[in-house]
Amino acid sequence: MFATMPLLPVLSSLLSRASRALGLESVDAFPPGHQYPRTRWDRAYFDIASDLKPEQMETAICDAIANTPAVFAHITHPTPRMQRTLLGVIHARLRRGSTAPTDLVAMLIDACDDPRTPEALPGLRAALASTAGYDPSMRVAHLQAWLADMPAAFDLIETPVRVRG
């Protein structure tokens, strides 16, 4: 006669929504409907409050990558902005001539090998595809050389143009 609706799942859903809206929980993905729905991160490494806007979430993650690049390994399907942040760290290390950032390049390869990960730089996926089947250390060396030869277009800061006259 009457279809009974289980009350516990409804209450749990409402409690979850309220908790998320109040920022009381940490999230591991962008909210539904975001342009990068596959992007996930490990809550243990990124304490992202649920009440933040998606842009603020991405900024917090990018700040964490810039400060501690190794956390990039704990992101699945990173957004192009997250990848560019890691690329900026890699490029800075290559320019300084310090220790080669092989660990960071290997993390980038792992993330970008999945075709569902968006491409952050034109030609990056093709550069990776050209080394498919190679030994991992050879792939890292090849991509590192490709990045070293590439202009730092992802590293540019736009400044207003001033006209003299």
C-alpha atoms as a PDB file:
ATOM      1  CA  MET A   1       0.000   0.000   0.000  1.00  0.00           C
ATOM      2  CA  PHE A   2       2.289   2.759   1.212  1.00  0.00           C
ATOM      3  CA  ALA A   3       5.846   2.683  -0.005  1.00  0.00           C
ATOM      4  CA  THR A   4       7.998   3.421   2.992  1.00  0.00           C
ATOM      5  CA  MET A   5      11.105   5.427   2.426  1.00  0.00           C
ATOM      6  CA  PRO A   6      14.012   4.489   4.639  1.00  0.00           C
ATOM      7  CA  LEU A   7      14.549   7.427   6.961  1.00  0.00           C
ATOM      8  CA  LEU A   8      18.192   6.787   7.780  1.00  0.00           C
ATOM      9  CA  PRO A   9      19.606   7.438   4.245  1.00  0.00           C
ATOM     10  CA  VAL A  10      17.517  10.627   3.977  1.00  0.00           C
ATOM     11  CA  LEU A  11      18.772  11.922   7.325  1.00  0.00           C
ATOM     12  CA  SER A  12      22.328  10.969   6.455  1.00  0.00           C
ATOM     13  CA  SER A  13      22.096  12.839   3.156  1.00  0.00           C
ATOM     14  CA  LEU A  14      20.670  15.943   4.833  1.00  0.00           C
ATOM     15  CA  LEU A  15      23.325  15.852   7.547  1.00  0.00           C
ATOM     16  CA  SER A  16      26.041  15.480   4.927  1.00  0.00           C
ATOM     17  CA  ARG A  17      24.712  18.462   2.965  1.00  0.00           C
ATOM     18  CA  ALA A  18      24.528  20.621   6.089  1.00  0.00           C
ATOM     19  CA  SER A  19      28.026  19.601   7.151  1.00  0.00           C
ATOM     20  CA  ARG A  20      29.374  20.388   3.690  1.00  0.00           C
ATOM     21  CA  ALA A  21      27.594  23.749   3.527  1.00  0.00           C
ATOM     22  CA  LEU A  22      29.010  24.757   6.897  1.00  0.00           C
ATOM     23  CA  GLY A  23      32.549  23.758   5.936  1.00  0.00           C
ATOM     24  CA  LEU A  24      32.769  21.182   8.698  1.00  0.00           C
ATOM     25  CA  GLU A  25      34.202  18.430   6.538  1.00  0.00           C
ATOM     26  CA  SER A  26      37.203  18.063   4.325  1.00  0.00           C
ATOM     27  CA  VAL A  27      36.555  17.228   0.681  1.00  0.00           C
ATOM     28  CA  ASP A  28      38.541  15.181  -1.804  1.00  0.00           C
ATOM     29  CA  ALA A  29      36.969  16.404  -5.047  1.00  0.00           C
ATOM     30  CA  PHE A  30      35.388  19.425  -6.649  1.00  0.00           C
ATOM     31  CA  PRO A  31      31.626  19.841  -6.175  1.00  0.00           C
ATOM     32  CA  PRO A  32      29.279  18.158  -8.657  1.00  0.00           C
ATOM     33  CA  GLY A  33      29.098  19.914 -12.005  1.00  0.00           C
ATOM     34  CA  HIS A  34      32.700  21.194 -11.932  1.00  0.00           C
ATOM     35  CA  GLN A  35      34.569  21.151 -15.243  1.00  0.00           C
ATOM     36  CA  TYR A  36      37.114  18.643 -13.852  1.00  0.00           C
ATOM     37  CA  PRO A  37      34.873  16.015 -12.251  1.00  0.00           C
ATOM     38  CA  ARG A  38      37.579  13.293 -12.252  1.00  0.00           C
ATOM     39  CA  THR A  39      40.094  15.291 -10.216  1.00  0.00           C
ATOM     40  CA  ARG A  40      40.560  13.782  -6.768  1.00  0.00           C
ATOM     41  CA  TRP A  41      43.039  14.397  -3.977  1.00  0.00           C
ATOM     42  CA  ASP A  42      43.954  12.600  -0.779  1.00  0.00           C
ATOM     43  CA  ARG A  43      42.393  14.315   2.248  1.00  0.00           C
ATOM     44  CA  ALA A  44      45.380  13.312   4.359  1.00  0.00           C
ATOM     45  CA  TYR A  45      47.590  15.679   2.325  1.00  0.00           C
ATOM     46  CA  PHE A  46      45.111  18.423   1.448  1.00  0.00           C
ATOM     47  CA  ASP A  47      42.804  19.806   4.106  1.00  0.00           C
ATOM     48  CA  ILE A  48      40.262  21.468   1.833  1.00  0.00           C
ATOM     49  CA  ALA A  49      37.157  22.744   3.604  1.00  0.00           C
ATOM     50  CA  SER A  50      33.873  21.854   1.962  1.00  0.00           C
ATOM     51  CA  ASP A  51      32.548  25.408   2.038  1.00  0.00           C
ATOM     52  CA  LEU A  52      35.247  26.765  -0.311  1.00  0.00           C
ATOM     53  CA  LYS A  53      34.438  27.702  -3.873  1.00  0.00           C
ATOM     54  CA  PRO A  54      36.038  25.476  -6.537  1.00  0.00           C
ATOM     55  CA  GLU A  55      38.529  28.218  -7.499  1.00  0.00           C
ATOM     56  CA  GLN A  56      39.601  28.513  -3.859  1.00  0.00           C
ATOM     57  CA  MET A  57      39.982  24.733  -3.615  1.00  0.00           C
ATOM     58  CA  GLU A  58      42.206  24.681  -6.693  1.00  0.00           C
ATOM     59  CA  THR A  59      44.250  27.629  -5.401  1.00  0.00           C
ATOM     60  CA  ALA A  60      44.806  25.876  -2.057  1.00  0.00           C
ATOM     61  CA  ILE A  61      45.971  22.729  -3.828  1.00  0.00           C
ATOM     62  CA  CYS A  62      48.263  24.694  -6.150  1.00  0.00           C
ATOM     63  CA  ASP A  63      49.759  26.509  -3.150  1.00  0.00           C
ATOM     64  CA  ALA A  64      50.424  23.145  -1.503  1.00  0.00           C
ATOM     65  CA  ILE A  65      52.109  21.871  -4.695  1.00  0.00           C
ATOM     66  CA  ALA A  66      54.273  24.998  -4.928  1.00  0.00           C
ATOM     67  CA  ASN A  67      55.354  24.649  -1.290  1.00  0.00           C
ATOM     68  CA  THR A  68      55.727  20.856  -1.200  1.00  0.00           C
ATOM     69  CA  PRO A  69      55.816  19.473  -4.750  1.00  0.00           C
ATOM     70  CA  ALA A  70      55.799  15.846  -3.557  1.00  0.00           C
ATOM     71  CA  VAL A  71      52.089  16.172  -2.669  1.00  0.00           C
ATOM     72  CA  PHE A  72      51.353  16.155  -6.407  1.00  0.00           C
ATOM     73  CA  ALA A  73      51.652  12.358  -6.236  1.00  0.00           C
ATOM     74  CA  HIS A  74      48.467  12.315  -4.146  1.00  0.00           C
ATOM     75  CA  ILE A  75      46.268  13.858  -6.857  1.00  0.00           C
ATOM     76  CA  THR A  76      44.394  11.826  -9.451  1.00  0.00           C
ATOM     77  CA  HIS A  77      43.682  13.534 -12.789  1.00  0.00           C
ATOM     78  CA  PRO A  78      45.173  16.909 -11.786  1.00  0.00           C
ATOM     79  CA  THR A  79      43.744  19.992 -13.455  1.00  0.00           C
ATOM     80  CA  PRO A  80      45.897  21.869 -15.997  1.00  0.00           C
ATOM     81  CA  ARG A  81      46.522  24.571 -13.380  1.00  0.00           C
ATOM     82  CA  MET A  82      47.807  21.993 -10.884  1.00  0.00           C
ATOM     83  CA  GLN A  83      50.059  20.518 -13.571  1.00  0.00           C
ATOM     84  CA  ARG A  84      51.352  23.969 -14.525  1.00  0.00           C
ATOM     85  CA  THR A  85      52.200  24.620 -10.870  1.00  0.00           C
ATOM     86  CA  LEU A  86      54.310  21.457 -10.806  1.00  0.00           C
ATOM     87  CA  LEU A  87      55.805  22.375 -14.187  1.00  0.00           C
ATOM     88  CA  GLY A  88      56.766  25.757 -12.729  1.00  0.00           C
ATOM     89  CA  VAL A  89      58.648  24.041  -9.892  1.00  0.00           C
ATOM     90  CA  ILE A  90      60.338  21.678 -12.369  1.00  0.00           C
ATOM     91  CA  HIS A  91      61.293  24.562 -14.646  1.00  0.00           C
ATOM     92  CA  ALA A  92      62.698  26.582 -11.719  1.00  0.00           C
ATOM     93  CA  ARG A  93      64.864  23.635 -10.681  1.00  0.00           C
ATOM     94  CA  LEU A  94      66.067  23.098 -14.240  1.00  0.00           C
ATOM     95  CA  ARG A  95      66.982  26.814 -14.549  1.00  0.00           C
ATOM     96  CA  ARG A  96      68.881  26.800 -11.268  1.00  0.00           C
ATOM     97  CA  GLY A  97      70.855  23.786 -12.419  1.00  0.00           C
ATOM     98  CA  SER A  98      70.389  22.193  -9.037  1.00  0.00           C
ATOM     99  CA  THR A  99      69.614  18.521  -8.646  1.00  0.00           C
ATOM    100  CA  ALA A 100      67.593  17.269 -11.592  1.00  0.00           C
ATOM    101  CA  PRO A 101      63.918  17.062 -10.592  1.00  0.00           C
ATOM    102  CA  THR A 102      63.556  13.455 -11.756  1.00  0.00           C
ATOM    103  CA  ASP A 103      61.115  12.637  -8.951  1.00  0.00           C
ATOM    104  CA  LEU A 104      58.833  15.509  -9.964  1.00  0.00           C
ATOM    105  CA  VAL A 105      59.030  14.613 -13.661  1.00  0.00           C
ATOM    106  CA  ALA A 106      58.161  10.998 -12.805  1.00  0.00           C
ATOM    107  CA  MET A 107      55.072  12.213 -10.903  1.00  0.00           C
ATOM    108  CA  LEU A 108      54.052  14.296 -13.910  1.00  0.00           C
ATOM    109  CA  ILE A 109      54.446  11.284 -16.203  1.00  0.00           C
ATOM    110  CA  ASP A 110      52.331   9.126 -13.889  1.00  0.00           C
ATOM    111  CA  ALA A 111      49.569  11.733 -13.820  1.00  0.00           C
ATOM    112  CA  CYS A 112      49.586  12.524 -17.529  1.00  0.00           C
ATOM    113  CA  ASP A 113      49.846   8.960 -18.821  1.00  0.00           C
ATOM    114  CA  ASP A 114      46.136   8.540 -18.170  1.00  0.00           C
ATOM    115  CA  PRO A 115      44.225   9.844 -21.219  1.00  0.00           C
ATOM    116  CA  ARG A 116      41.476  11.150 -18.899  1.00  0.00           C
ATOM    117  CA  THR A 117      43.908  13.665 -17.375  1.00  0.00           C
ATOM    118  CA  PRO A 118      43.608  17.011 -19.187  1.00  0.00           C
ATOM    119  CA  GLU A 119      46.706  18.222 -21.039  1.00  0.00           C
ATOM    120  CA  ALA A 120      48.331  21.248 -19.417  1.00  0.00           C
ATOM    121  CA  LEU A 121      50.765  22.082 -22.218  1.00  0.00           C
ATOM    122  CA  PRO A 122      50.400  21.621 -25.966  1.00  0.00           C
ATOM    123  CA  GLY A 123      52.533  18.686 -27.011  1.00  0.00           C
ATOM    124  CA  LEU A 124      52.957  17.205 -23.533  1.00  0.00           C
ATOM    125  CA  ARG A 125      50.832  14.146 -24.278  1.00  0.00           C
ATOM    126  CA  ALA A 126      52.642  13.627 -27.596  1.00  0.00           C
ATOM    127  CA  ALA A 127      56.013  13.881 -25.846  1.00  0.00           C
ATOM    128  CA  LEU A 128      54.869  11.233 -23.380  1.00  0.00           C
ATOM    129  CA  ALA A 129      53.425   9.011 -26.109  1.00  0.00           C
ATOM    130  CA  SER A 130      56.739   9.070 -27.963  1.00  0.00           C
ATOM    131  CA  THR A 131      58.360   7.337 -24.982  1.00  0.00           C
ATOM    132  CA  ALA A 132      55.657   4.736 -24.314  1.00  0.00           C
ATOM    133  CA  GLY A 133      57.251   1.391 -23.598  1.00  0.00           C
ATOM    134  CA  TYR A 134      60.617   2.886 -22.633  1.00  0.00           C
ATOM    135  CA  ASP A 135      62.278   2.235 -19.303  1.00  0.00           C
ATOM    136  CA  PRO A 136      60.866   4.681 -16.679  1.00  0.00           C
ATOM    137  CA  SER A 137      64.245   6.384 -16.203  1.00  0.00           C
ATOM    138  CA  MET A 138      64.526   6.940 -19.963  1.00  0.00           C
ATOM    139  CA  ARG A 139      61.016   8.424 -20.045  1.00  0.00           C
ATOM    140  CA  VAL A 140      61.950  10.821 -17.242  1.00  0.00           C
ATOM    141  CA  ALA A 141      65.176  11.842 -19.001  1.00  0.00           C
ATOM    142  CA  HIS A 142      63.359  12.381 -22.325  1.00  0.00           C
ATOM    143  CA  LEU A 143      60.575  14.475 -20.790  1.00  0.00           C
ATOM    144  CA  GLN A 144      63.071  16.434 -18.724  1.00  0.00           C
ATOM    145  CA  ALA A 145      65.018  17.292 -21.892  1.00  0.00           C
ATOM    146  CA  TRP A 146      61.759  18.211 -23.658  1.00  0.00           C
ATOM    147  CA  LEU A 147      60.811  20.524 -20.794  1.00  0.00           C
ATOM    148  CA  ALA A 148      64.289  22.083 -20.673  1.00  0.00           C
ATOM    149  CA  ASP A 149      64.084  22.915 -24.397  1.00  0.00           C
ATOM    150  CA  MET A 150      60.622  24.363 -24.110  1.00  0.00           C
ATOM    151  CA  PRO A 151      60.120  28.078 -23.506  1.00  0.00           C
ATOM    152  CA  ALA A 152      58.534  28.731 -20.153  1.00  0.00           C
ATOM    153  CA  ALA A 153      55.203  29.830 -21.618  1.00  0.00           C
ATOM    154  CA  PHE A 154      53.354  28.371 -18.674  1.00  0.00           C
ATOM    155  CA  ASP A 155      55.523  30.483 -16.392  1.00  0.00           C
ATOM    156  CA  LEU A 156      54.646  33.891 -17.843  1.00  0.00           C
ATOM    157  CA  ILE A 157      53.169  36.655 -15.766  1.00  0.00           C
ATOM    158  CA  GLU A 158      51.024  39.030 -17.694  1.00  0.00           C
ATOM    159  CA  THR A 159      51.853  42.679 -17.123  1.00  0.00           C
ATOM    160  CA  PRO A 160      49.948  45.643 -18.462  1.00  0.00           C
ATOM    161  CA  VAL A 161      51.413  47.237 -21.552  1.00  0.00           C
ATOM    162  CA  ARG A 162      52.347  50.884 -21.078  1.00  0.00           C
ATOM    163  CA  VAL A 163      52.302  53.120 -24.086  1.00  0.00           C
ATOM    164  CA  ARG A 164      54.824  55.935 -24.163  1.00  0.00           C
ATOM    165  CA  GLY A 165      54.081  58.903 -26.151  1.00  0.00           C
END
